[in-house]
Amino acid sequence: MGEHDRSDVAGAVGAAAAAGGGDPFVVHRGLLFTVAYELLGSAADAEDVLQESWLRWADVDRSEVRDPRAYLVRVVTRQSLNHLRTLSRRREEYVGEWLPEPVLTSPDVADDVELAESLSMATLTVLETLGPAERAVFVLREVFDVPYDEIADAVGKTPAAVRQIAHRAREHVAARRPRVQVERTEQEQVVERLMVAFNTGDVQGLMDVLAPDVVAIGDGGGKARGAARRPIRGAQKIVSFLMGAMEKWDLHPVASMVWINGAPALRLEVDGELAGTVSVTIEDGLVTRIFSVANPDKLARLDEEAPLAR
């Protein structure tokens, strides 16, 4: 969908909101965006799905829709599945590692532990290893608690098949994402230590906050200077690569703490311009996974909070 079409639809949605009356699409827009984002890992594509879903909703005879919320979730899910098939081909040609598009969130999102966990870079990365139908079933059931029969209708499967898919997807995700629950205060403390060490060039400070077997995954999309195209394993190698890249490209990024995908993270700026984000996974007070996004195409929506809801 082009920028002109997108702005026209956005204007129509805004007009519906201004008109009041509780249009179901406007009422549930946060939920619908969150469903699409969790299914796609891309805020830009989630917005496109919402635009397409709005156009379909505008043509529906509302008197025939018994449960608007369920109906809209079904429409958004189907549109997301269509996008996933296209995205899978696009990602096969992607330069370097592909990571989800980071979204700016309110600290309050962390109060909903299940939502925050499902939005984390670690979980979204694991969801990328599921097939489209598996991902849709897992997200709708585990994150949004949608009944099996409604999920079946959305993905075009029988309720019995959906139950089996949900079981397999649940085991798949549980085996691959971090099992350790970290308190919000500990998350903030570790990220702050990382920020201070980074901004002061304290190499030992960086080493002290990283687990020895930490893994760093960077997404520059082939467009960002100094971005690694393969995962880097080990604290020493990560710090050496970081320092070498900053020297080679004469980069002097400054880090500040923000909330990304429901958790404390770092926003990196170079000469006052946004250059990337760094999200982390923490276990036993140390950083065990680093997810760094520097592809400029994925940084365009980080000036305002994403409209997330369950």
C-alpha atoms as a PDB file:
ATOM      1  CA  MET A   1       0.000   0.000   0.000  1.00  0.00           C
ATOM      2  CA  GLY A   2       1.405   3.396  -1.016  1.00  0.00           C
ATOM      3  CA  GLU A   3       1.924   6.344   1.317  1.00  0.00           C
ATOM      4  CA  HIS A   4      -0.989   8.228  -0.302  1.00  0.00           C
ATOM      5  CA  ASP A   5      -3.402   5.317   0.175  1.00  0.00           C
ATOM      6  CA  ARG A   6      -2.157   4.778   3.726  1.00  0.00           C
ATOM      7  CA  SER A   7      -2.741   8.421   4.664  1.00  0.00           C
ATOM      8  CA  ASP A   8      -6.227   8.336   3.130  1.00  0.00           C
ATOM      9  CA  VAL A   9      -7.179   5.275   5.173  1.00  0.00           C
ATOM     10  CA  ALA A  10      -5.571   6.687   8.305  1.00  0.00           C
ATOM     11  CA  GLY A  11      -7.651   9.814   7.791  1.00  0.00           C
ATOM     12  CA  ALA A  12     -10.802   7.721   7.490  1.00  0.00           C
ATOM     13  CA  VAL A  13      -9.985   5.868  10.714  1.00  0.00           C
ATOM     14  CA  GLY A  14      -9.267   9.184  12.426  1.00  0.00           C
ATOM     15  CA  ALA A  15     -12.582  10.566  11.227  1.00  0.00           C
ATOM     16  CA  ALA A  16     -14.381   7.521  12.617  1.00  0.00           C
ATOM     17  CA  ALA A  17     -12.676   8.038  15.962  1.00  0.00           C
ATOM     18  CA  ALA A  18     -13.540  11.744  16.005  1.00  0.00           C
ATOM     19  CA  ALA A  19     -17.137  10.985  15.144  1.00  0.00           C
ATOM     20  CA  GLY A  20     -17.442   8.858  18.262  1.00  0.00           C
ATOM     21  CA  GLY A  21     -20.093   6.192  18.557  1.00  0.00           C
ATOM     22  CA  GLY A  22     -17.536   3.573  19.484  1.00  0.00           C
ATOM     23  CA  ASP A  23     -16.752   2.159  16.054  1.00  0.00           C
ATOM     24  CA  PRO A  24     -15.414  -1.338  16.902  1.00  0.00           C
ATOM     25  CA  PHE A  25     -12.374  -0.936  14.650  1.00  0.00           C
ATOM     26  CA  VAL A  26     -11.341   2.226  16.488  1.00  0.00           C
ATOM     27  CA  VAL A  27     -12.144   0.723  19.892  1.00  0.00           C
ATOM     28  CA  HIS A  28     -10.016  -2.374  19.221  1.00  0.00           C
ATOM     29  CA  ARG A  29      -7.298  -0.767  17.124  1.00  0.00           C
ATOM     30  CA  GLY A  30      -4.595  -1.302  19.780  1.00  0.00           C
ATOM     31  CA  LEU A  31      -5.468  -4.996  20.023  1.00  0.00           C
ATOM     32  CA  LEU A  32      -5.546  -5.386  16.244  1.00  0.00           C
ATOM     33  CA  PHE A  33      -2.163  -3.686  15.823  1.00  0.00           C
ATOM     34  CA  THR A  34      -0.663  -5.908  18.523  1.00  0.00           C
ATOM     35  CA  VAL A  35      -2.010  -9.084  16.899  1.00  0.00           C
ATOM     36  CA  ALA A  36      -0.594  -8.052  13.509  1.00  0.00           C
ATOM     37  CA  TYR A  37       2.751  -6.992  14.973  1.00  0.00           C
ATOM     38  CA  GLU A  38       3.181 -10.232  16.913  1.00  0.00           C
ATOM     39  CA  LEU A  39       2.368 -12.227  13.788  1.00  0.00           C
ATOM     40  CA  LEU A  40       4.660 -10.232  11.489  1.00  0.00           C
ATOM     41  CA  GLY A  41       7.452  -8.843  13.658  1.00  0.00           C
ATOM     42  CA  SER A  42       7.153  -5.594  11.721  1.00  0.00           C
ATOM     43  CA  ALA A  43       5.326  -2.444  12.763  1.00  0.00           C
ATOM     44  CA  ALA A  44       5.304  -1.180   9.171  1.00  0.00           C
ATOM     45  CA  ASP A  45       3.677  -4.351   7.875  1.00  0.00           C
ATOM     46  CA  ALA A  46       1.288  -4.416  10.841  1.00  0.00           C
ATOM     47  CA  GLU A  47       0.104  -0.937   9.873  1.00  0.00           C
ATOM     48  CA  ASP A  48      -0.413  -2.099   6.283  1.00  0.00           C
ATOM     49  CA  VAL A  49      -2.492  -5.017   7.560  1.00  0.00           C
ATOM     50  CA  LEU A  50      -4.623  -2.650   9.614  1.00  0.00           C
ATOM     51  CA  GLN A  51      -5.211  -0.425   6.609  1.00  0.00           C
ATOM     52  CA  GLU A  52      -6.321  -3.404   4.509  1.00  0.00           C
ATOM     53  CA  SER A  53      -8.498  -4.697   7.347  1.00  0.00           C
ATOM     54  CA  TRP A  54     -10.140  -1.293   7.750  1.00  0.00           C
ATOM     55  CA  LEU A  55     -11.080  -1.261   4.065  1.00  0.00           C
ATOM     56  CA  ARG A  56     -12.728  -4.660   4.465  1.00  0.00           C
ATOM     57  CA  TRP A  57     -14.472  -3.586   7.649  1.00  0.00           C
ATOM     58  CA  ALA A  58     -15.831  -0.463   5.937  1.00  0.00           C
ATOM     59  CA  ASP A  59     -17.592  -2.657   3.357  1.00  0.00           C
ATOM     60  CA  VAL A  60     -19.171  -5.061   5.857  1.00  0.00           C
ATOM     61  CA  ASP A  61     -22.839  -5.084   6.777  1.00  0.00           C
ATOM     62  CA  ARG A  62     -22.385  -4.508  10.533  1.00  0.00           C
ATOM     63  CA  SER A  63     -25.829  -5.930  11.308  1.00  0.00           C
ATOM     64  CA  GLU A  64     -24.552  -9.376  10.307  1.00  0.00           C
ATOM     65  CA  VAL A  65     -21.523  -9.242  12.650  1.00  0.00           C
ATOM     66  CA  ARG A  66     -22.467 -10.713  16.031  1.00  0.00           C
ATOM     67  CA  ASP A  67     -19.044 -10.252  17.696  1.00  0.00           C
ATOM     68  CA  PRO A  68     -17.115  -7.351  16.106  1.00  0.00           C
ATOM     69  CA  ARG A  69     -13.970  -7.975  18.178  1.00  0.00           C
ATOM     70  CA  ALA A  70     -13.727 -11.630  17.107  1.00  0.00           C
ATOM     71  CA  TYR A  71     -14.584 -10.717  13.531  1.00  0.00           C
ATOM     72  CA  LEU A  72     -11.857  -8.061  13.340  1.00  0.00           C
ATOM     73  CA  VAL A  73      -9.238 -10.326  14.931  1.00  0.00           C
ATOM     74  CA  ARG A  74     -10.109 -12.945  12.304  1.00  0.00           C
ATOM     75  CA  VAL A  75      -9.763 -10.427   9.468  1.00  0.00           C
ATOM     76  CA  VAL A  76      -6.425  -9.130  10.780  1.00  0.00           C
ATOM     77  CA  THR A  77      -5.128 -12.676  11.248  1.00  0.00           C
ATOM     78  CA  ARG A  78      -6.005 -13.654   7.692  1.00  0.00           C
ATOM     79  CA  GLN A  79      -4.418 -10.511   6.273  1.00  0.00           C
ATOM     80  CA  SER A  80      -1.309 -11.130   8.391  1.00  0.00           C
ATOM     81  CA  LEU A  81      -1.036 -14.700   7.100  1.00  0.00           C
ATOM     82  CA  ASN A  82      -1.168 -13.367   3.542  1.00  0.00           C
ATOM     83  CA  HIS A  83       1.643 -10.954   4.385  1.00  0.00           C
ATOM     84  CA  LEU A  84       3.716 -13.670   6.066  1.00  0.00           C
ATOM     85  CA  ARG A  85       3.919 -15.638   2.838  1.00  0.00           C
ATOM     86  CA  THR A  86       5.225 -12.571   1.033  1.00  0.00           C
ATOM     87  CA  LEU A  87       7.596 -11.663   3.853  1.00  0.00           C
ATOM     88  CA  SER A  88       9.154 -15.125   3.933  1.00  0.00           C
ATOM     89  CA  ARG A  89      10.326 -14.650   0.342  1.00  0.00           C
ATOM     90  CA  ARG A  90      11.582 -11.148   1.111  1.00  0.00           C
ATOM     91  CA  ARG A  91      13.553 -12.356   4.141  1.00  0.00           C
ATOM     92  CA  GLU A  92      15.282 -15.064   2.141  1.00  0.00           C
ATOM     93  CA  GLU A  93      17.003 -12.248   0.225  1.00  0.00           C
ATOM     94  CA  TYR A  94      17.734 -10.136   3.313  1.00  0.00           C
ATOM     95  CA  VAL A  95      21.358  -9.091   3.844  1.00  0.00           C
ATOM     96  CA  GLY A  96      22.718 -10.445   7.132  1.00  0.00           C
ATOM     97  CA  GLU A  97      20.607 -11.424  10.137  1.00  0.00           C
ATOM     98  CA  TRP A  98      16.930 -10.440  10.246  1.00  0.00           C
ATOM     99  CA  LEU A  99      15.499  -9.165  13.533  1.00  0.00           C
ATOM    100  CA  PRO A 100      11.997  -7.898  14.340  1.00  0.00           C
ATOM    101  CA  GLU A 101      11.365  -4.193  13.947  1.00  0.00           C
ATOM    102  CA  PRO A 102      11.710  -2.642  17.431  1.00  0.00           C
ATOM    103  CA  VAL A 103       8.792  -0.624  18.787  1.00  0.00           C
ATOM    104  CA  LEU A 104       8.825   2.040  21.472  1.00  0.00           C
ATOM    105  CA  THR A 105       6.639   1.064  24.414  1.00  0.00           C
ATOM    106  CA  SER A 106       5.467   2.560  27.662  1.00  0.00           C
ATOM    107  CA  PRO A 107       7.039   1.210  30.872  1.00  0.00           C
ATOM    108  CA  ASP A 108       3.475   0.240  31.819  1.00  0.00           C
ATOM    109  CA  VAL A 109       3.558  -2.524  29.192  1.00  0.00           C
ATOM    110  CA  ALA A 110       5.957  -4.390  31.495  1.00  0.00           C
ATOM    111  CA  ASP A 111       3.170  -4.602  34.099  1.00  0.00           C
ATOM    112  CA  ASP A 112       1.426  -7.115  31.825  1.00  0.00           C
ATOM    113  CA  VAL A 113       4.094  -9.798  32.172  1.00  0.00           C
ATOM    114  CA  GLU A 114       2.658 -12.150  29.547  1.00  0.00           C
ATOM    115  CA  LEU A 115       2.289  -9.383  26.960  1.00  0.00           C
ATOM    116  CA  ALA A 116       5.788  -8.022  27.653  1.00  0.00           C
ATOM    117  CA  GLU A 117       7.294 -11.500  27.326  1.00  0.00           C
ATOM    118  CA  SER A 118       5.488 -12.122  24.039  1.00  0.00           C
ATOM    119  CA  LEU A 119       6.758  -8.781  22.683  1.00  0.00           C
ATOM    120  CA  SER A 120      10.372  -9.352  23.685  1.00  0.00           C
ATOM    121  CA  MET A 121      12.988  -9.620  20.958  1.00  0.00           C
ATOM    122  CA  ALA A 122      13.888 -13.063  22.286  1.00  0.00           C
ATOM    123  CA  THR A 123      10.343 -14.383  21.887  1.00  0.00           C
ATOM    124  CA  LEU A 124       9.657 -12.680  18.551  1.00  0.00           C
ATOM    125  CA  THR A 125      12.891 -14.170  17.207  1.00  0.00           C
ATOM    126  CA  VAL A 126      11.756 -17.628  18.280  1.00  0.00           C
ATOM    127  CA  LEU A 127       8.364 -17.049  16.636  1.00  0.00           C
ATOM    128  CA  GLU A 128      10.228 -16.520  13.361  1.00  0.00           C
ATOM    129  CA  THR A 129      11.148 -20.222  13.456  1.00  0.00           C
ATOM    130  CA  LEU A 130       7.485 -21.256  13.361  1.00  0.00           C
ATOM    131  CA  GLY A 131       5.466 -21.713  10.191  1.00  0.00           C
ATOM    132  CA  PRO A 132       2.768 -19.101   9.470  1.00  0.00           C
ATOM    133  CA  ALA A 133      -0.156 -21.209  10.750  1.00  0.00           C
ATOM    134  CA  GLU A 134       1.796 -22.309  13.843  1.00  0.00           C
ATOM    135  CA  ARG A 135       2.721 -18.732  14.632  1.00  0.00           C
ATOM    136  CA  ALA A 136      -0.852 -17.518  14.266  1.00  0.00           C
ATOM    137  CA  VAL A 137      -2.214 -20.310  16.448  1.00  0.00           C
ATOM    138  CA  PHE A 138       0.427 -19.761  19.136  1.00  0.00           C
ATOM    139  CA  VAL A 139      -0.035 -15.995  19.270  1.00  0.00           C
ATOM    140  CA  LEU A 140      -3.825 -16.052  19.252  1.00  0.00           C
ATOM    141  CA  ARG A 141      -4.040 -18.771  21.892  1.00  0.00           C
ATOM    142  CA  GLU A 142      -1.107 -18.046  24.216  1.00  0.00           C
ATOM    143  CA  VAL A 143      -1.049 -14.256  24.067  1.00  0.00           C
ATOM    144  CA  PHE A 144      -4.674 -13.306  23.411  1.00  0.00           C
ATOM    145  CA  ASP A 145      -6.484 -16.400  24.760  1.00  0.00           C
ATOM    146  CA  VAL A 146      -8.692 -16.696  21.675  1.00  0.00           C
ATOM    147  CA  PRO A 147     -10.967 -19.788  21.778  1.00  0.00           C
ATOM    148  CA  TYR A 148      -9.877 -22.708  19.588  1.00  0.00           C
ATOM    149  CA  ASP A 149     -12.962 -22.553  17.377  1.00  0.00           C
ATOM    150  CA  GLU A 150     -12.340 -18.874  16.590  1.00  0.00           C
ATOM    151  CA  ILE A 151      -8.684 -19.591  15.821  1.00  0.00           C
ATOM    152  CA  ALA A 152      -9.767 -22.439  13.548  1.00  0.00           C
ATOM    153  CA  ASP A 153     -12.005 -20.055  11.641  1.00  0.00           C
ATOM    154  CA  ALA A 154      -9.189 -17.526  11.309  1.00  0.00           C
ATOM    155  CA  VAL A 155      -6.529 -19.956  10.033  1.00  0.00           C
ATOM    156  CA  GLY A 156      -8.764 -22.280   8.028  1.00  0.00           C
ATOM    157  CA  LYS A 157      -8.211 -25.406  10.149  1.00  0.00           C
ATOM    158  CA  THR A 158     -10.450 -27.624  12.247  1.00  0.00           C
ATOM    159  CA  PRO A 159     -10.553 -26.992  16.018  1.00  0.00           C
ATOM    160  CA  ALA A 160      -8.940 -30.425  16.567  1.00  0.00           C
ATOM    161  CA  ALA A 161      -6.083 -29.548  14.217  1.00  0.00           C
ATOM    162  CA  VAL A 162      -5.652 -26.182  15.926  1.00  0.00           C
ATOM    163  CA  ARG A 163      -5.310 -27.889  19.325  1.00  0.00           C
ATOM    164  CA  GLN A 164      -2.544 -30.115  17.959  1.00  0.00           C
ATOM    165  CA  ILE A 165      -0.794 -27.161  16.301  1.00  0.00           C
ATOM    166  CA  ALA A 166      -1.035 -25.173  19.547  1.00  0.00           C
ATOM    167  CA  HIS A 167       0.536 -28.036  21.514  1.00  0.00           C
ATOM    168  CA  ARG A 168       3.459 -28.392  19.064  1.00  0.00           C
ATOM    169  CA  ALA A 169       4.022 -24.640  18.861  1.00  0.00           C
ATOM    170  CA  ARG A 170       3.946 -24.275  22.645  1.00  0.00           C
ATOM    171  CA  GLU A 171       6.619 -26.956  23.068  1.00  0.00           C
ATOM    172  CA  HIS A 172       8.713 -25.457  20.260  1.00  0.00           C
ATOM    173  CA  VAL A 173       8.684 -21.969  21.793  1.00  0.00           C
ATOM    174  CA  ALA A 174       9.228 -23.192  25.367  1.00  0.00           C
ATOM    175  CA  ALA A 175      12.338 -25.097  24.301  1.00  0.00           C
ATOM    176  CA  ARG A 176      13.918 -22.068  22.650  1.00  0.00           C
ATOM    177  CA  ARG A 177      13.095 -18.916  24.576  1.00  0.00           C
ATOM    178  CA  PRO A 178      14.637 -17.912  27.929  1.00  0.00           C
ATOM    179  CA  ARG A 179      12.914 -19.515  30.879  1.00  0.00           C
ATOM    180  CA  VAL A 180      14.212 -17.112  33.516  1.00  0.00           C
ATOM    181  CA  GLN A 181      11.830 -14.388  34.706  1.00  0.00           C
ATOM    182  CA  VAL A 182      13.718 -11.201  35.572  1.00  0.00           C
ATOM    183  CA  GLU A 183      12.313  -8.527  37.859  1.00  0.00           C
ATOM    184  CA  ARG A 184      11.771  -5.122  36.275  1.00  0.00           C
ATOM    185  CA  THR A 185      14.181  -3.398  38.674  1.00  0.00           C
ATOM    186  CA  GLU A 186      16.946  -5.885  37.844  1.00  0.00           C
ATOM    187  CA  GLN A 187      16.375  -5.348  34.121  1.00  0.00           C
ATOM    188  CA  GLU A 188      16.725  -1.595  34.550  1.00  0.00           C
ATOM    189  CA  GLN A 189      19.842  -1.922  36.692  1.00  0.00           C
ATOM    190  CA  VAL A 190      21.637  -4.197  34.227  1.00  0.00           C
ATOM    191  CA  VAL A 191      20.732  -2.056  31.215  1.00  0.00           C
ATOM    192  CA  GLU A 192      21.868   1.066  33.082  1.00  0.00           C
ATOM    193  CA  ARG A 193      25.226  -0.579  33.837  1.00  0.00           C
ATOM    194  CA  LEU A 194      25.536  -1.459  30.169  1.00  0.00           C
ATOM    195  CA  MET A 195      24.685   2.114  29.159  1.00  0.00           C
ATOM    196  CA  VAL A 196      27.207   3.701  31.524  1.00  0.00           C
ATOM    197  CA  ALA A 197      30.003   1.347  30.476  1.00  0.00           C
ATOM    198  CA  PHE A 198      29.236   1.961  26.804  1.00  0.00           C
ATOM    199  CA  ASN A 199      29.098   5.752  27.109  1.00  0.00           C
ATOM    200  CA  THR A 200      32.310   5.976  29.150  1.00  0.00           C
ATOM    201  CA  GLY A 201      34.239   3.505  27.025  1.00  0.00           C
ATOM    202  CA  ASP A 202      34.766   1.322  30.086  1.00  0.00           C
ATOM    203  CA  VAL A 203      35.876  -1.950  28.476  1.00  0.00           C
ATOM    204  CA  GLN A 204      36.114  -3.784  31.774  1.00  0.00           C
ATOM    205  CA  GLY A 205      32.699  -2.457  32.747  1.00  0.00           C
ATOM    206  CA  LEU A 206      31.274  -3.891  29.526  1.00  0.00           C
ATOM    207  CA  MET A 207      32.950  -7.237  30.161  1.00  0.00           C
ATOM    208  CA  ASP A 208      31.575  -7.314  33.701  1.00  0.00           C
ATOM    209  CA  VAL A 209      27.951  -6.937  32.567  1.00  0.00           C
ATOM    210  CA  LEU A 210      28.180  -9.553  29.798  1.00  0.00           C
ATOM    211  CA  ALA A 211      27.912 -13.290  30.398  1.00  0.00           C
ATOM    212  CA  PRO A 212      31.027 -15.121  29.133  1.00  0.00           C
ATOM    213  CA  ASP A 213      28.979 -17.011  26.511  1.00  0.00           C
ATOM    214  CA  VAL A 214      26.801 -14.041  25.485  1.00  0.00           C
ATOM    215  CA  VAL A 215      25.594 -13.993  21.875  1.00  0.00           C
ATOM    216  CA  ALA A 216      25.134 -10.756  19.900  1.00  0.00           C
ATOM    217  CA  ILE A 217      22.866 -10.630  16.847  1.00  0.00           C
ATOM    218  CA  GLY A 218      22.939  -7.496  14.723  1.00  0.00           C
ATOM    219  CA  ASP A 219      20.537  -6.387  12.003  1.00  0.00           C
ATOM    220  CA  GLY A 220      21.925  -3.728   9.707  1.00  0.00           C
ATOM    221  CA  GLY A 221      20.115  -4.913   6.591  1.00  0.00           C
ATOM    222  CA  GLY A 222      23.293  -4.221   4.624  1.00  0.00           C
ATOM    223  CA  LYS A 223      22.658  -0.495   5.143  1.00  0.00           C
ATOM    224  CA  ALA A 224      24.318   0.327   8.474  1.00  0.00           C
ATOM    225  CA  ARG A 225      28.013   0.921   8.945  1.00  0.00           C
ATOM    226  CA  GLY A 226      29.743  -1.285  11.471  1.00  0.00           C
ATOM    227  CA  ALA A 227      26.905  -3.825  11.776  1.00  0.00           C
ATOM    228  CA  ALA A 228      27.919  -7.479  12.021  1.00  0.00           C
ATOM    229  CA  ARG A 229      26.311  -9.750   9.443  1.00  0.00           C
ATOM    230  CA  ARG A 230      26.655 -12.902  11.539  1.00  0.00           C
ATOM    231  CA  PRO A 231      26.086 -13.606  15.248  1.00  0.00           C
ATOM    232  CA  ILE A 232      29.093 -13.002  17.478  1.00  0.00           C
ATOM    233  CA  ARG A 233      29.636 -15.361  20.413  1.00  0.00           C
ATOM    234  CA  GLY A 234      31.565 -14.579  23.581  1.00  0.00           C
ATOM    235  CA  ALA A 235      32.001 -11.385  25.603  1.00  0.00           C
ATOM    236  CA  GLN A 236      35.603 -10.811  24.525  1.00  0.00           C
ATOM    237  CA  LYS A 237      34.814 -11.156  20.814  1.00  0.00           C
ATOM    238  CA  ILE A 238      31.766  -8.895  21.091  1.00  0.00           C
ATOM    239  CA  VAL A 239      33.655  -6.100  22.867  1.00  0.00           C
ATOM    240  CA  SER A 240      36.586  -6.391  20.441  1.00  0.00           C
ATOM    241  CA  PHE A 241      34.248  -6.206  17.439  1.00  0.00           C
ATOM    242  CA  LEU A 242      32.416  -3.213  18.909  1.00  0.00           C
ATOM    243  CA  MET A 243      35.578  -1.253  19.629  1.00  0.00           C
ATOM    244  CA  GLY A 244      37.057  -2.152  16.248  1.00  0.00           C
ATOM    245  CA  ALA A 245      33.939  -1.072  14.343  1.00  0.00           C
ATOM    246  CA  MET A 246      33.734   2.241  16.208  1.00  0.00           C
ATOM    247  CA  GLU A 247      37.380   2.977  15.393  1.00  0.00           C
ATOM    248  CA  LYS A 248      37.197   1.825  11.770  1.00  0.00           C
ATOM    249  CA  TRP A 249      34.083   3.843  10.955  1.00  0.00           C
ATOM    250  CA  ASP A 250      34.915   6.728  13.321  1.00  0.00           C
ATOM    251  CA  LEU A 251      31.599   6.233  15.095  1.00  0.00           C
ATOM    252  CA  HIS A 252      30.870   7.801  18.464  1.00  0.00           C
ATOM    253  CA  PRO A 253      27.397   6.615  19.453  1.00  0.00           C
ATOM    254  CA  VAL A 254      25.750   7.809  22.656  1.00  0.00           C
ATOM    255  CA  ALA A 255      23.370   5.476  24.466  1.00  0.00           C
ATOM    256  CA  SER A 256      20.274   6.399  26.451  1.00  0.00           C
ATOM    257  CA  MET A 257      17.797   4.089  28.153  1.00  0.00           C
ATOM    258  CA  VAL A 258      14.321   3.695  26.652  1.00  0.00           C
ATOM    259  CA  TRP A 259      11.579   1.062  26.713  1.00  0.00           C
ATOM    260  CA  ILE A 260      11.605  -1.141  23.633  1.00  0.00           C
ATOM    261  CA  ASN A 261       9.228  -4.083  23.169  1.00  0.00           C
ATOM    262  CA  GLY A 262       8.144  -3.998  26.796  1.00  0.00           C
ATOM    263  CA  ALA A 263      11.610  -3.965  28.373  1.00  0.00           C
ATOM    264  CA  PRO A 264      14.436  -1.530  29.182  1.00  0.00           C
ATOM    265  CA  ALA A 265      16.749  -1.140  26.197  1.00  0.00           C
ATOM    266  CA  LEU A 266      19.244   1.292  24.687  1.00  0.00           C
ATOM    267  CA  ARG A 267      18.678   3.921  22.045  1.00  0.00           C
ATOM    268  CA  LEU A 268      21.890   4.767  20.165  1.00  0.00           C
ATOM    269  CA  GLU A 269      22.437   8.145  18.565  1.00  0.00           C
ATOM    270  CA  VAL A 270      25.302   9.401  16.397  1.00  0.00           C
ATOM    271  CA  ASP A 271      25.594  13.181  16.081  1.00  0.00           C
ATOM    272  CA  GLY A 272      22.101  13.499  17.516  1.00  0.00           C
ATOM    273  CA  GLU A 273      20.527  11.137  14.953  1.00  0.00           C
ATOM    274  CA  LEU A 274      18.984   7.772  15.814  1.00  0.00           C
ATOM    275  CA  ALA A 275      21.409   5.047  14.734  1.00  0.00           C
ATOM    276  CA  GLY A 276      20.063   1.913  16.374  1.00  0.00           C
ATOM    277  CA  THR A 277      18.537   0.104  19.325  1.00  0.00           C
ATOM    278  CA  VAL A 278      19.960  -2.549  21.621  1.00  0.00           C
ATOM    279  CA  SER A 279      17.674  -5.000  23.411  1.00  0.00           C
ATOM    280  CA  VAL A 280      19.004  -7.657  25.760  1.00  0.00           C
ATOM    281  CA  THR A 281      18.105 -10.878  27.517  1.00  0.00           C
ATOM    282  CA  ILE A 282      19.236 -11.092  31.137  1.00  0.00           C
ATOM    283  CA  GLU A 283      19.943 -14.120  33.291  1.00  0.00           C
ATOM    284  CA  ASP A 284      21.529 -14.099  36.765  1.00  0.00           C
ATOM    285  CA  GLY A 285      22.283 -10.389  36.509  1.00  0.00           C
ATOM    286  CA  LEU A 286      24.239 -10.701  33.251  1.00  0.00           C
ATOM    287  CA  VAL A 287      23.420 -10.068  29.598  1.00  0.00           C
ATOM    288  CA  THR A 288      23.134 -13.380  27.737  1.00  0.00           C
ATOM    289  CA  ARG A 289      21.673 -12.183  24.413  1.00  0.00           C
ATOM    290  CA  ILE A 290      22.065  -8.892  22.565  1.00  0.00           C
ATOM    291  CA  PHE A 291      19.705  -7.878  19.762  1.00  0.00           C
ATOM    292  CA  SER A 292      20.976  -4.814  17.920  1.00  0.00           C
ATOM    293  CA  VAL A 293      18.897  -3.209  15.154  1.00  0.00           C
ATOM    294  CA  ALA A 294      20.592  -0.574  12.988  1.00  0.00           C
ATOM    295  CA  ASN A 295      18.772  -0.995   9.681  1.00  0.00           C
ATOM    296  CA  PRO A 296      17.407   2.543   9.111  1.00  0.00           C
ATOM    297  CA  ASP A 297      14.242   1.115   7.544  1.00  0.00           C
ATOM    298  CA  LYS A 298      13.348  -0.383  10.931  1.00  0.00           C
ATOM    299  CA  LEU A 299      13.982   2.756  12.979  1.00  0.00           C
ATOM    300  CA  ALA A 300      11.441   5.108  11.425  1.00  0.00           C
ATOM    301  CA  ARG A 301       8.691   4.561  14.033  1.00  0.00           C
ATOM    302  CA  LEU A 302      10.654   4.988  17.240  1.00  0.00           C
ATOM    303  CA  ASP A 303       9.609   8.559  17.979  1.00  0.00           C
ATOM    304  CA  GLU A 304       6.200   7.596  19.344  1.00  0.00           C
ATOM    305  CA  GLU A 305       4.893   4.719  21.410  1.00  0.00           C
ATOM    306  CA  ALA A 306       3.293   1.805  19.603  1.00  0.00           C
ATOM    307  CA  PRO A 307      -0.466   1.385  20.253  1.00  0.00           C
ATOM    308  CA  LEU A 308      -0.284  -1.953  22.056  1.00  0.00           C
ATOM    309  CA  ALA A 309      -3.178  -3.638  23.843  1.00  0.00           C
ATOM    310  CA  ARG A 310      -4.657  -7.040  24.705  1.00  0.00           C
END
